[in-house]
Amino acid sequence: MFATAIRYMAKKPKPKMKPIELKTPPEQTQTITRVIFDILKEHGPLTIANTWEHVKDVGLRGLTSKRHMKIVLRWMRERQKIRLICNHVGPHKQFLYTTWFTNPNIKPLKPRNGSSQP
């Protein structure tokens, strides 16, 4: 018991992450965030992969890559424009992005082959 307490007290806290600073011009950032927000509002909640597919369909020229989109999504989360929700189904997790104002009607994950769920 004592050793557990010492181990707990010896752990360093997780370092604070500095705020994200986007390198795109403000006008372009506003266009990108508006398009992503509209996609999430219309089709959400969405995973990162599904969001990227919708962005590619729209043909947004400001985003250079999926990685760039993920950075913009983190930036939008910091400013509380969107939120991240976690969908738990048994041992599986699915992270979904949605707007703050939409009611998340989350569809459960499909069970994998071989696993039976009641």
PDB file of N, CA and C in Angstrom:
ATOM      1  N   MET A   1       0.823  -1.189   0.000  1.00  0.00           N
ATOM      2  CA  MET A   1       0.000   0.000   0.000  1.00  0.00           C
ATOM      3  C   MET A   1       0.871   1.258   0.000  1.00  0.00           C
ATOM      4  N   PHE A   2       1.891   1.257   0.847  1.00  0.00           N
ATOM      5  CA  PHE A   2       2.786   2.403   0.943  1.00  0.00           C
ATOM      6  C   PHE A   2       3.560   2.612  -0.362  1.00  0.00           C
ATOM      7  N   ALA A   3       4.010   1.484  -0.964  1.00  0.00           N
ATOM      8  CA  ALA A   3       4.773   1.561  -2.210  1.00  0.00           C
ATOM      9  C   ALA A   3       3.908   2.125  -3.340  1.00  0.00           C
ATOM     10  N   THR A   4       2.638   1.757  -3.357  1.00  0.00           N
ATOM     11  CA  THR A   4       1.722   2.270  -4.379  1.00  0.00           C
ATOM     12  C   THR A   4       1.573   3.785  -4.255  1.00  0.00           C
ATOM     13  N   ALA A   5       1.459   4.268  -3.036  1.00  0.00           N
ATOM     14  CA  ALA A   5       1.337   5.707  -2.802  1.00  0.00           C
ATOM     15  C   ALA A   5       2.591   6.443  -3.248  1.00  0.00           C
ATOM     16  N   ILE A   6       3.752   5.866  -2.972  1.00  0.00           N
ATOM     17  CA  ILE A   6       5.010   6.496  -3.391  1.00  0.00           C
ATOM     18  C   ILE A   6       5.105   6.539  -4.907  1.00  0.00           C
ATOM     19  N   ARG A   7       4.746   5.423  -5.563  1.00  0.00           N
ATOM     20  CA  ARG A   7       4.766   5.394  -7.027  1.00  0.00           C
ATOM     21  C   ARG A   7       3.815   6.438  -7.608  1.00  0.00           C
ATOM     22  N   TYR A   8       2.639   6.577  -7.012  1.00  0.00           N
ATOM     23  CA  TYR A   8       1.657   7.544  -7.482  1.00  0.00           C
ATOM     24  C   TYR A   8       2.185   8.973  -7.337  1.00  0.00           C
ATOM     25  N   MET A   9       2.805   9.264  -6.212  1.00  0.00           N
ATOM     26  CA  MET A   9       3.328  10.609  -5.959  1.00  0.00           C
ATOM     27  C   MET A   9       4.559  10.923  -6.812  1.00  0.00           C
ATOM     28  N   ALA A  10       5.289   9.895  -7.244  1.00  0.00           N
ATOM     29  CA  ALA A  10       6.512  10.100  -8.018  1.00  0.00           C
ATOM     30  C   ALA A  10       6.232  10.368  -9.489  1.00  0.00           C
ATOM     31  N   LYS A  11       5.007  10.097  -9.953  1.00  0.00           N
ATOM     32  CA  LYS A  11       4.681  10.307 -11.363  1.00  0.00           C
ATOM     33  C   LYS A  11       4.684  11.792 -11.702  1.00  0.00           C
ATOM     34  N   LYS A  12       5.233  12.096 -12.858  1.00  0.00           N
ATOM     35  CA  LYS A  12       5.221  13.477 -13.317  1.00  0.00           C
ATOM     36  C   LYS A  12       3.879  13.749 -13.988  1.00  0.00           C
ATOM     37  N   PRO A  13       3.332  14.945 -13.831  1.00  0.00           N
ATOM     38  CA  PRO A  13       2.071  15.251 -14.507  1.00  0.00           C
ATOM     39  C   PRO A  13       2.275  15.376 -16.018  1.00  0.00           C
ATOM     40  N   LYS A  14       1.210  15.136 -16.734  1.00  0.00           N
ATOM     41  CA  LYS A  14       1.257  15.249 -18.183  1.00  0.00           C
ATOM     42  C   LYS A  14       1.538  16.705 -18.557  1.00  0.00           C
ATOM     43  N   PRO A  15       2.493  16.958 -19.452  1.00  0.00           N
ATOM     44  CA  PRO A  15       2.812  18.348 -19.788  1.00  0.00           C
ATOM     45  C   PRO A  15       1.657  19.022 -20.522  1.00  0.00           C
ATOM     46  N   LYS A  16       1.466  20.293 -20.258  1.00  0.00           N
ATOM     47  CA  LYS A  16       0.423  21.073 -20.920  1.00  0.00           C
ATOM     48  C   LYS A  16       0.838  21.310 -22.367  1.00  0.00           C
ATOM     49  N   MET A  17      -0.125  21.137 -23.269  1.00  0.00           N
ATOM     50  CA  MET A  17       0.161  21.380 -24.679  1.00  0.00           C
ATOM     51  C   MET A  17      -0.100  22.847 -24.978  1.00  0.00           C
ATOM     52  N   LYS A  18       0.777  23.444 -25.757  1.00  0.00           N
ATOM     53  CA  LYS A  18       0.570  24.843 -26.102  1.00  0.00           C
ATOM     54  C   LYS A  18      -0.549  24.949 -27.135  1.00  0.00           C
ATOM     55  N   PRO A  19      -1.223  26.077 -27.197  1.00  0.00           N
ATOM     56  CA  PRO A  19      -2.315  26.241 -28.158  1.00  0.00           C
ATOM     57  C   PRO A  19      -1.819  26.118 -29.596  1.00  0.00           C
ATOM     58  N   ILE A  20      -2.667  25.600 -30.441  1.00  0.00           N
ATOM     59  CA  ILE A  20      -2.321  25.421 -31.852  1.00  0.00           C
ATOM     60  C   ILE A  20      -2.403  26.771 -32.560  1.00  0.00           C
ATOM     61  N   GLU A  21      -1.393  27.060 -33.358  1.00  0.00           N
ATOM     62  CA  GLU A  21      -1.394  28.267 -34.183  1.00  0.00           C
ATOM     63  C   GLU A  21      -1.373  27.831 -35.635  1.00  0.00           C
ATOM     64  N   LEU A  22      -2.458  28.128 -36.349  1.00  0.00           N
ATOM     65  CA  LEU A  22      -2.537  27.757 -37.762  1.00  0.00           C
ATOM     66  C   LEU A  22      -1.711  28.729 -38.594  1.00  0.00           C
ATOM     67  N   LYS A  23      -1.054  28.189 -39.618  1.00  0.00           N
ATOM     68  CA  LYS A  23      -0.170  29.001 -40.447  1.00  0.00           C
ATOM     69  C   LYS A  23      -0.873  29.546 -41.683  1.00  0.00           C
ATOM     70  N   THR A  24      -2.139  29.194 -41.873  1.00  0.00           N
ATOM     71  CA  THR A  24      -2.876  29.695 -43.029  1.00  0.00           C
ATOM     72  C   THR A  24      -3.397  31.101 -42.743  1.00  0.00           C
ATOM     73  N   PRO A  25      -3.628  31.909 -43.792  1.00  0.00           N
ATOM     74  CA  PRO A  25      -4.182  33.259 -43.583  1.00  0.00           C
ATOM     75  C   PRO A  25      -5.577  33.175 -42.935  1.00  0.00           C
ATOM     76  N   PRO A  26      -5.961  34.189 -42.174  1.00  0.00           N
ATOM     77  CA  PRO A  26      -7.249  34.150 -41.466  1.00  0.00           C
ATOM     78  C   PRO A  26      -8.455  33.923 -42.377  1.00  0.00           C
ATOM     79  N   GLU A  27      -8.452  34.504 -43.582  1.00  0.00           N
ATOM     80  CA  GLU A  27      -9.576  34.329 -44.504  1.00  0.00           C
ATOM     81  C   GLU A  27      -9.691  32.857 -44.922  1.00  0.00           C
ATOM     82  N   GLN A  28      -8.540  32.252 -45.207  1.00  0.00           N
ATOM     83  CA  GLN A  28      -8.523  30.849 -45.620  1.00  0.00           C
ATOM     84  C   GLN A  28      -8.918  29.948 -44.446  1.00  0.00           C
ATOM     85  N   THR A  29      -8.453  30.263 -43.255  1.00  0.00           N
ATOM     86  CA  THR A  29      -8.817  29.499 -42.061  1.00  0.00           C
ATOM     87  C   THR A  29     -10.323  29.553 -41.840  1.00  0.00           C
ATOM     88  N   GLN A  30     -10.904  30.732 -42.020  1.00  0.00           N
ATOM     89  CA  GLN A  30     -12.347  30.888 -41.833  1.00  0.00           C
ATOM     90  C   GLN A  30     -13.115  30.050 -42.846  1.00  0.00           C
ATOM     91  N   THR A  31     -12.656  30.020 -44.090  1.00  0.00           N
ATOM     92  CA  THR A  31     -13.313  29.215 -45.120  1.00  0.00           C
ATOM     93  C   THR A  31     -13.232  27.735 -44.783  1.00  0.00           C
ATOM     94  N   ILE A  32     -12.041  27.277 -44.391  1.00  0.00           N
ATOM     95  CA  ILE A  32     -11.837  25.858 -44.066  1.00  0.00           C
ATOM     96  C   ILE A  32     -12.721  25.457 -42.885  1.00  0.00           C
ATOM     97  N   THR A  33     -12.708  26.252 -41.818  1.00  0.00           N
ATOM     98  CA  THR A  33     -13.487  25.893 -40.631  1.00  0.00           C
ATOM     99  C   THR A  33     -14.974  25.932 -40.926  1.00  0.00           C
ATOM    100  N   ARG A  34     -15.436  26.869 -41.753  1.00  0.00           N
ATOM    101  CA  ARG A  34     -16.850  26.944 -42.102  1.00  0.00           C
ATOM    102  C   ARG A  34     -17.284  25.701 -42.868  1.00  0.00           C
ATOM    103  N   VAL A  35     -16.466  25.255 -43.816  1.00  0.00           N
ATOM    104  CA  VAL A  35     -16.800  24.062 -44.604  1.00  0.00           C
ATOM    105  C   VAL A  35     -16.825  22.826 -43.705  1.00  0.00           C
ATOM    106  N   ILE A  36     -15.813  22.656 -42.854  1.00  0.00           N
ATOM    107  CA  ILE A  36     -15.770  21.495 -41.960  1.00  0.00           C
ATOM    108  C   ILE A  36     -16.963  21.525 -40.997  1.00  0.00           C
ATOM    109  N   PHE A  37     -17.260  22.711 -40.448  1.00  0.00           N
ATOM    110  CA  PHE A  37     -18.392  22.836 -39.530  1.00  0.00           C
ATOM    111  C   PHE A  37     -19.699  22.457 -40.226  1.00  0.00           C
ATOM    112  N   ASP A  38     -19.890  22.934 -41.458  1.00  0.00           N
ATOM    113  CA  ASP A  38     -21.112  22.613 -42.200  1.00  0.00           C
ATOM    114  C   ASP A  38     -21.218  21.123 -42.493  1.00  0.00           C
ATOM    115  N   ILE A  39     -20.091  20.489 -42.816  1.00  0.00           N
ATOM    116  CA  ILE A  39     -20.084  19.039 -43.061  1.00  0.00           C
ATOM    117  C   ILE A  39     -20.486  18.291 -41.795  1.00  0.00           C
ATOM    118  N   LEU A  40     -19.905  18.667 -40.654  1.00  0.00           N
ATOM    119  CA  LEU A  40     -20.234  18.002 -39.397  1.00  0.00           C
ATOM    120  C   LEU A  40     -21.677  18.265 -38.987  1.00  0.00           C
ATOM    121  N   LYS A  41     -22.162  19.464 -39.275  1.00  0.00           N
ATOM    122  CA  LYS A  41     -23.539  19.808 -38.924  1.00  0.00           C
ATOM    123  C   LYS A  41     -24.533  19.009 -39.765  1.00  0.00           C
ATOM    124  N   GLU A  42     -24.212  18.839 -41.039  1.00  0.00           N
ATOM    125  CA  GLU A  42     -25.126  18.150 -41.957  1.00  0.00           C
ATOM    126  C   GLU A  42     -25.038  16.631 -41.826  1.00  0.00           C
ATOM    127  N   HIS A  43     -23.825  16.081 -41.734  1.00  0.00           N
ATOM    128  CA  HIS A  43     -23.636  14.626 -41.780  1.00  0.00           C
ATOM    129  C   HIS A  43     -23.226  14.015 -40.447  1.00  0.00           C
ATOM    130  N   GLY A  44     -22.901  14.845 -39.449  1.00  0.00           N
ATOM    131  CA  GLY A  44     -22.295  14.368 -38.207  1.00  0.00           C
ATOM    132  C   GLY A  44     -23.200  13.532 -37.352  1.00  0.00           C
ATOM    133  N   PRO A  45     -22.652  12.896 -36.334  1.00  0.00           N
ATOM    134  CA  PRO A  45     -21.240  12.816 -35.957  1.00  0.00           C
ATOM    135  C   PRO A  45     -20.436  11.954 -36.930  1.00  0.00           C
ATOM    136  N   LEU A  46     -19.196  12.361 -37.183  1.00  0.00           N
ATOM    137  CA  LEU A  46     -18.342  11.682 -38.159  1.00  0.00           C
ATOM    138  C   LEU A  46     -16.974  11.353 -37.563  1.00  0.00           C
ATOM    139  N   THR A  47     -16.397  10.275 -38.070  1.00  0.00           N
ATOM    140  CA  THR A  47     -15.016   9.949 -37.731  1.00  0.00           C
ATOM    141  C   THR A  47     -14.100  10.830 -38.574  1.00  0.00           C
ATOM    142  N   ILE A  48     -12.809  10.790 -38.284  1.00  0.00           N
ATOM    143  CA  ILE A  48     -11.856  11.572 -39.072  1.00  0.00           C
ATOM    144  C   ILE A  48     -11.855  11.104 -40.528  1.00  0.00           C
ATOM    145  N   ALA A  49     -11.887   9.787 -40.727  1.00  0.00           N
ATOM    146  CA  ALA A  49     -11.865   9.244 -42.094  1.00  0.00           C
ATOM    147  C   ALA A  49     -13.100   9.683 -42.878  1.00  0.00           C
ATOM    148  N   ASN A  50     -14.278   9.626 -42.249  1.00  0.00           N
ATOM    149  CA  ASN A  50     -15.504  10.047 -42.932  1.00  0.00           C
ATOM    150  C   ASN A  50     -15.502  11.539 -43.219  1.00  0.00           C
ATOM    151  N   THR A  51     -14.977  12.323 -42.288  1.00  0.00           N
ATOM    152  CA  THR A  51     -14.886  13.771 -42.497  1.00  0.00           C
ATOM    153  C   THR A  51     -13.977  14.069 -43.677  1.00  0.00           C
ATOM    154  N   TRP A  52     -12.854  13.363 -43.756  1.00  0.00           N
ATOM    155  CA  TRP A  52     -11.908  13.567 -44.862  1.00  0.00           C
ATOM    156  C   TRP A  52     -12.563  13.224 -46.202  1.00  0.00           C
ATOM    157  N   GLU A  53     -13.360  12.157 -46.244  1.00  0.00           N
ATOM    158  CA  GLU A  53     -14.058  11.785 -47.490  1.00  0.00           C
ATOM    159  C   GLU A  53     -15.017  12.897 -47.925  1.00  0.00           C
ATOM    160  N   HIS A  54     -15.754  13.472 -46.978  1.00  0.00           N
ATOM    161  CA  HIS A  54     -16.677  14.561 -47.308  1.00  0.00           C
ATOM    162  C   HIS A  54     -15.926  15.807 -47.764  1.00  0.00           C
ATOM    163  N   VAL A  55     -14.788  16.095 -47.126  1.00  0.00           N
ATOM    164  CA  VAL A  55     -13.990  17.260 -47.520  1.00  0.00           C
ATOM    165  C   VAL A  55     -13.457  17.077 -48.940  1.00  0.00           C
ATOM    166  N   LYS A  56     -13.013  15.859 -49.270  1.00  0.00           N
ATOM    167  CA  LYS A  56     -12.522  15.597 -50.627  1.00  0.00           C
ATOM    168  C   LYS A  56     -13.642  15.752 -51.648  1.00  0.00           C
ATOM    169  N   ASP A  57     -14.868  15.326 -51.282  1.00  0.00           N
ATOM    170  CA  ASP A  57     -16.004  15.471 -52.200  1.00  0.00           C
ATOM    171  C   ASP A  57     -16.323  16.939 -52.464  1.00  0.00           C
ATOM    172  N   VAL A  58     -16.188  17.778 -51.436  1.00  0.00           N
ATOM    173  CA  VAL A  58     -16.460  19.205 -51.578  1.00  0.00           C
ATOM    174  C   VAL A  58     -15.384  19.860 -52.439  1.00  0.00           C
ATOM    175  N   GLY A  59     -14.155  19.366 -52.338  1.00  0.00           N
ATOM    176  CA  GLY A  59     -13.051  19.930 -53.122  1.00  0.00           C
ATOM    177  C   GLY A  59     -12.509  21.215 -52.527  1.00  0.00           C
ATOM    178  N   LEU A  60     -12.323  21.229 -51.228  1.00  0.00           N
ATOM    179  CA  LEU A  60     -11.796  22.390 -50.521  1.00  0.00           C
ATOM    180  C   LEU A  60     -10.317  22.563 -50.850  1.00  0.00           C
ATOM    181  N   ARG A  61      -9.943  23.720 -51.406  1.00  0.00           N
ATOM    182  CA  ARG A  61      -8.576  23.924 -51.869  1.00  0.00           C
ATOM    183  C   ARG A  61      -7.614  24.318 -50.755  1.00  0.00           C
ATOM    184  N   GLY A  62      -8.107  24.805 -49.633  1.00  0.00           N
ATOM    185  CA  GLY A  62      -7.229  25.274 -48.565  1.00  0.00           C
ATOM    186  C   GLY A  62      -6.547  24.158 -47.792  1.00  0.00           C
ATOM    187  N   LEU A  63      -7.198  22.997 -47.726  1.00  0.00           N
ATOM    188  CA  LEU A  63      -6.608  21.878 -46.982  1.00  0.00           C
ATOM    189  C   LEU A  63      -5.618  21.134 -47.863  1.00  0.00           C
ATOM    190  N   THR A  64      -4.412  20.927 -47.340  1.00  0.00           N
ATOM    191  CA  THR A  64      -3.382  20.281 -48.141  1.00  0.00           C
ATOM    192  C   THR A  64      -3.357  18.769 -47.949  1.00  0.00           C
ATOM    193  N   SER A  65      -3.810  18.290 -46.772  1.00  0.00           N
ATOM    194  CA  SER A  65      -3.736  16.852 -46.498  1.00  0.00           C
ATOM    195  C   SER A  65      -4.681  16.498 -45.360  1.00  0.00           C
ATOM    196  N   LYS A  66      -4.814  15.196 -45.131  1.00  0.00           N
ATOM    197  CA  LYS A  66      -5.626  14.717 -44.021  1.00  0.00           C
ATOM    198  C   LYS A  66      -5.011  15.167 -42.695  1.00  0.00           C
ATOM    199  N   ARG A  67      -3.691  15.176 -42.630  1.00  0.00           N
ATOM    200  CA  ARG A  67      -2.989  15.621 -41.420  1.00  0.00           C
ATOM    201  C   ARG A  67      -3.314  17.087 -41.126  1.00  0.00           C
ATOM    202  N   HIS A  68      -3.341  17.914 -42.163  1.00  0.00           N
ATOM    203  CA  HIS A  68      -3.704  19.320 -42.014  1.00  0.00           C
ATOM    204  C   HIS A  68      -5.131  19.444 -41.489  1.00  0.00           C
ATOM    205  N   MET A  69      -6.040  18.596 -41.987  1.00  0.00           N
ATOM    206  CA  MET A  69      -7.423  18.618 -41.531  1.00  0.00           C
ATOM    207  C   MET A  69      -7.513  18.254 -40.045  1.00  0.00           C
ATOM    208  N   LYS A  70      -6.711  17.267 -39.622  1.00  0.00           N
ATOM    209  CA  LYS A  70      -6.718  16.854 -38.219  1.00  0.00           C
ATOM    210  C   LYS A  70      -6.229  17.991 -37.318  1.00  0.00           C
ATOM    211  N   ILE A  71      -5.241  18.748 -37.775  1.00  0.00           N
ATOM    212  CA  ILE A  71      -4.751  19.893 -37.009  1.00  0.00           C
ATOM    213  C   ILE A  71      -5.846  20.955 -36.906  1.00  0.00           C
ATOM    214  N   VAL A  72      -6.551  21.197 -38.009  1.00  0.00           N
ATOM    215  CA  VAL A  72      -7.646  22.169 -37.992  1.00  0.00           C
ATOM    216  C   VAL A  72      -8.761  21.700 -37.061  1.00  0.00           C
ATOM    217  N   LEU A  73      -9.060  20.396 -37.058  1.00  0.00           N
ATOM    218  CA  LEU A  73     -10.084  19.866 -36.156  1.00  0.00           C
ATOM    219  C   LEU A  73      -9.676  20.079 -34.694  1.00  0.00           C
ATOM    220  N   ARG A  74      -8.397  19.853 -34.370  1.00  0.00           N
ATOM    221  CA  ARG A  74      -7.919  20.107 -33.005  1.00  0.00           C
ATOM    222  C   ARG A  74      -8.034  21.584 -32.651  1.00  0.00           C
ATOM    223  N   TRP A  75      -7.716  22.453 -33.603  1.00  0.00           N
ATOM    224  CA  TRP A  75      -7.820  23.894 -33.407  1.00  0.00           C
ATOM    225  C   TRP A  75      -9.273  24.290 -33.148  1.00  0.00           C
ATOM    226  N   MET A  76     -10.189  23.690 -33.893  1.00  0.00           N
ATOM    227  CA  MET A  76     -11.616  23.972 -33.712  1.00  0.00           C
ATOM    228  C   MET A  76     -12.104  23.461 -32.355  1.00  0.00           C
ATOM    229  N   ARG A  77     -11.569  22.321 -31.903  1.00  0.00           N
ATOM    230  CA  ARG A  77     -11.939  21.804 -30.580  1.00  0.00           C
ATOM    231  C   ARG A  77     -11.464  22.736 -29.476  1.00  0.00           C
ATOM    232  N   GLU A  78     -10.250  23.263 -29.622  1.00  0.00           N
ATOM    233  CA  GLU A  78      -9.717  24.203 -28.625  1.00  0.00           C
ATOM    234  C   GLU A  78     -10.620  25.415 -28.471  1.00  0.00           C
ATOM    235  N   ARG A  79     -11.177  25.886 -29.565  1.00  0.00           N
ATOM    236  CA  ARG A  79     -12.029  27.063 -29.545  1.00  0.00           C
ATOM    237  C   ARG A  79     -13.498  26.717 -29.329  1.00  0.00           C
ATOM    238  N   GLN A  80     -13.757  25.465 -29.014  1.00  0.00           N
ATOM    239  CA  GLN A  80     -15.089  24.946 -28.700  1.00  0.00           C
ATOM    240  C   GLN A  80     -16.099  25.201 -29.817  1.00  0.00           C
ATOM    241  N   LYS A  81     -15.640  25.044 -31.050  1.00  0.00           N
ATOM    242  CA  LYS A  81     -16.539  25.125 -32.188  1.00  0.00           C
ATOM    243  C   LYS A  81     -17.144  23.748 -32.470  1.00  0.00           C
ATOM    244  N   ILE A  82     -16.371  22.705 -32.182  1.00  0.00           N
ATOM    245  CA  ILE A  82     -16.844  21.330 -32.337  1.00  0.00           C
ATOM    246  C   ILE A  82     -16.454  20.551 -31.086  1.00  0.00           C
ATOM    247  N   ARG A  83     -17.012  19.366 -30.941  1.00  0.00           N
ATOM    248  CA  ARG A  83     -16.640  18.523 -29.800  1.00  0.00           C
ATOM    249  C   ARG A  83     -16.363  17.111 -30.268  1.00  0.00           C
ATOM    250  N   LEU A  84     -15.613  16.395 -29.457  1.00  0.00           N
ATOM    251  CA  LEU A  84     -15.237  15.016 -29.735  1.00  0.00           C
ATOM    252  C   LEU A  84     -15.983  14.131 -28.754  1.00  0.00           C
ATOM    253  N   ILE A  85     -16.692  13.132 -29.295  1.00  0.00           N
ATOM    254  CA  ILE A  85     -17.401  12.194 -28.429  1.00  0.00           C
ATOM    255  C   ILE A  85     -16.862  10.797 -28.680  1.00  0.00           C
ATOM    256  N   CYS A  86     -16.953   9.965 -27.669  1.00  0.00           N
ATOM    257  CA  CYS A  86     -16.437   8.604 -27.751  1.00  0.00           C
ATOM    258  C   CYS A  86     -17.606   7.637 -27.697  1.00  0.00           C
ATOM    259  N   ASN A  87     -17.683   6.743 -28.662  1.00  0.00           N
ATOM    260  CA  ASN A  87     -18.735   5.742 -28.738  1.00  0.00           C
ATOM    261  C   ASN A  87     -18.144   4.412 -28.275  1.00  0.00           C
ATOM    262  N   HIS A  88     -18.599   3.923 -27.114  1.00  0.00           N
ATOM    263  CA  HIS A  88     -18.116   2.653 -26.566  1.00  0.00           C
ATOM    264  C   HIS A  88     -19.069   1.535 -26.957  1.00  0.00           C
ATOM    265  N   VAL A  89     -18.527   0.489 -27.552  1.00  0.00           N
ATOM    266  CA  VAL A  89     -19.289  -0.730 -27.796  1.00  0.00           C
ATOM    267  C   VAL A  89     -18.401  -1.880 -27.356  1.00  0.00           C
ATOM    268  N   GLY A  90     -18.664  -2.390 -26.157  1.00  0.00           N
ATOM    269  CA  GLY A  90     -17.817  -3.440 -25.616  1.00  0.00           C
ATOM    270  C   GLY A  90     -16.400  -2.929 -25.459  1.00  0.00           C
ATOM    271  N   PRO A  91     -15.405  -3.689 -25.964  1.00  0.00           N
ATOM    272  CA  PRO A  91     -14.013  -3.248 -25.830  1.00  0.00           C
ATOM    273  C   PRO A  91     -13.591  -2.244 -26.909  1.00  0.00           C
ATOM    274  N   HIS A  92     -14.473  -1.943 -27.851  1.00  0.00           N
ATOM    275  CA  HIS A  92     -14.117  -1.075 -28.976  1.00  0.00           C
ATOM    276  C   HIS A  92     -14.525   0.365 -28.698  1.00  0.00           C
ATOM    277  N   LYS A  93     -13.738   1.301 -29.201  1.00  0.00           N
ATOM    278  CA  LYS A  93     -14.042   2.722 -29.084  1.00  0.00           C
ATOM    279  C   LYS A  93     -14.067   3.332 -30.473  1.00  0.00           C
ATOM    280  N   GLN A  94     -14.931   4.306 -30.644  1.00  0.00           N
ATOM    281  CA  GLN A  94     -14.992   5.038 -31.897  1.00  0.00           C
ATOM    282  C   GLN A  94     -15.102   6.518 -31.537  1.00  0.00           C
ATOM    283  N   PHE A  95     -14.166   7.330 -32.022  1.00  0.00           N
ATOM    284  CA  PHE A  95     -14.165   8.755 -31.716  1.00  0.00           C
ATOM    285  C   PHE A  95     -14.835   9.505 -32.861  1.00  0.00           C
ATOM    286  N   LEU A  96     -15.811  10.329 -32.507  1.00  0.00           N
ATOM    287  CA  LEU A  96     -16.617  11.037 -33.494  1.00  0.00           C
ATOM    288  C   LEU A  96     -16.595  12.533 -33.221  1.00  0.00           C
ATOM    289  N   TYR A  97     -16.509  13.314 -34.292  1.00  0.00           N
ATOM    290  CA  TYR A  97     -16.586  14.766 -34.192  1.00  0.00           C
ATOM    291  C   TYR A  97     -18.005  15.204 -34.497  1.00  0.00           C
ATOM    292  N   THR A  98     -18.487  16.186 -33.742  1.00  0.00           N
ATOM    293  CA  THR A  98     -19.821  16.730 -33.957  1.00  0.00           C
ATOM    294  C   THR A  98     -19.831  18.189 -33.529  1.00  0.00           C
ATOM    295  N   THR A  99     -20.888  18.902 -33.918  1.00  0.00           N
ATOM    296  CA  THR A  99     -21.030  20.281 -33.464  1.00  0.00           C
ATOM    297  C   THR A  99     -21.618  20.264 -32.059  1.00  0.00           C
ATOM    298  N   TRP A 100     -21.550  21.373 -31.380  1.00  0.00           N
ATOM    299  CA  TRP A 100     -22.061  21.447 -30.011  1.00  0.00           C
ATOM    300  C   TRP A 100     -23.577  21.393 -29.974  1.00  0.00           C
ATOM    301  N   PHE A 101     -24.236  21.785 -31.057  1.00  0.00           N
ATOM    302  CA  PHE A 101     -25.674  21.978 -31.021  1.00  0.00           C
ATOM    303  C   PHE A 101     -26.469  20.800 -31.559  1.00  0.00           C
ATOM    304  N   THR A 102     -25.794  19.831 -32.186  1.00  0.00           N
ATOM    305  CA  THR A 102     -26.523  18.690 -32.725  1.00  0.00           C
ATOM    306  C   THR A 102     -26.638  17.603 -31.672  1.00  0.00           C
ATOM    307  N   ASN A 103     -27.766  16.933 -31.667  1.00  0.00           N
ATOM    308  CA  ASN A 103     -27.984  15.822 -30.742  1.00  0.00           C
ATOM    309  C   ASN A 103     -27.315  14.601 -31.343  1.00  0.00           C
ATOM    310  N   PRO A 104     -26.292  14.032 -30.702  1.00  0.00           N
ATOM    311  CA  PRO A 104     -25.565  12.919 -31.315  1.00  0.00           C
ATOM    312  C   PRO A 104     -26.395  11.640 -31.329  1.00  0.00           C
ATOM    313  N   ASN A 105     -26.885  11.279 -32.515  1.00  0.00           N
ATOM    314  CA  ASN A 105     -27.572   9.996 -32.668  1.00  0.00           C
ATOM    315  C   ASN A 105     -26.536   8.995 -33.161  1.00  0.00           C
ATOM    316  N   ILE A 106     -25.850   8.385 -32.214  1.00  0.00           N
ATOM    317  CA  ILE A 106     -24.704   7.528 -32.512  1.00  0.00           C
ATOM    318  C   ILE A 106     -25.201   6.131 -32.842  1.00  0.00           C
ATOM    319  N   LYS A 107     -24.734   5.632 -33.968  1.00  0.00           N
ATOM    320  CA  LYS A 107     -25.040   4.257 -34.336  1.00  0.00           C
ATOM    321  C   LYS A 107     -23.944   3.371 -33.785  1.00  0.00           C
ATOM    322  N   PRO A 108     -24.297   2.257 -33.126  1.00  0.00           N
ATOM    323  CA  PRO A 108     -23.249   1.404 -32.553  1.00  0.00           C
ATOM    324  C   PRO A 108     -22.382   0.777 -33.637  1.00  0.00           C
ATOM    325  N   LEU A 109     -21.160   0.466 -33.252  1.00  0.00           N
ATOM    326  CA  LEU A 109     -20.238  -0.217 -34.157  1.00  0.00           C
ATOM    327  C   LEU A 109     -20.781  -1.595 -34.508  1.00  0.00           C
ATOM    328  N   LYS A 110     -20.447  -2.050 -35.675  1.00  0.00           N
ATOM    329  CA  LYS A 110     -20.828  -3.406 -36.072  1.00  0.00           C
ATOM    330  C   LYS A 110     -19.946  -4.395 -35.315  1.00  0.00           C
ATOM    331  N   PRO A 111     -20.529  -5.467 -34.730  1.00  0.00           N
ATOM    332  CA  PRO A 111     -19.678  -6.449 -34.042  1.00  0.00           C
ATOM    333  C   PRO A 111     -18.763  -7.151 -35.039  1.00  0.00           C
ATOM    334  N   ARG A 112     -17.557  -7.430 -34.584  1.00  0.00           N
ATOM    335  CA  ARG A 112     -16.591  -8.114 -35.464  1.00  0.00           C
ATOM    336  C   ARG A 112     -16.965  -9.579 -35.603  1.00  0.00           C
ATOM    337  N   ASN A 113     -16.456 -10.206 -36.653  1.00  0.00           N
ATOM    338  CA  ASN A 113     -16.735 -11.625 -36.879  1.00  0.00           C
ATOM    339  C   ASN A 113     -16.272 -12.460 -35.699  1.00  0.00           C
ATOM    340  N   GLY A 114     -17.144 -13.393 -35.296  1.00  0.00           N
ATOM    341  CA  GLY A 114     -16.750 -14.285 -34.205  1.00  0.00           C
ATOM    342  C   GLY A 114     -17.225 -13.799 -32.852  1.00  0.00           C
ATOM    343  N   SER A 115     -17.588 -12.528 -32.729  1.00  0.00           N
ATOM    344  CA  SER A 115     -18.060 -12.047 -31.431  1.00  0.00           C
ATOM    345  C   SER A 115     -19.580 -11.968 -31.458  1.00  0.00           C
ATOM    346  N   SER A 116     -20.189 -12.471 -30.425  1.00  0.00           N
ATOM    347  CA  SER A 116     -21.640 -12.447 -30.353  1.00  0.00           C
ATOM    348  C   SER A 116     -22.064 -11.493 -29.255  1.00  0.00           C
ATOM    349  N   GLN A 117     -22.988 -10.618 -29.597  1.00  0.00           N
ATOM    350  CA  GLN A 117     -23.498  -9.671 -28.615  1.00  0.00           C
ATOM    351  C   GLN A 117     -24.998  -9.867 -28.494  1.00  0.00           C
ATOM    352  N   PRO A 118     -25.561  -9.725 -27.285  1.00  0.00           N
ATOM    353  CA  PRO A 118     -26.990  -9.942 -27.101  1.00  0.00           C
ATOM    354  C   PRO A 118     -27.835  -8.891 -27.743  1.00  0.00           C
TER     355      PRO A 118
END
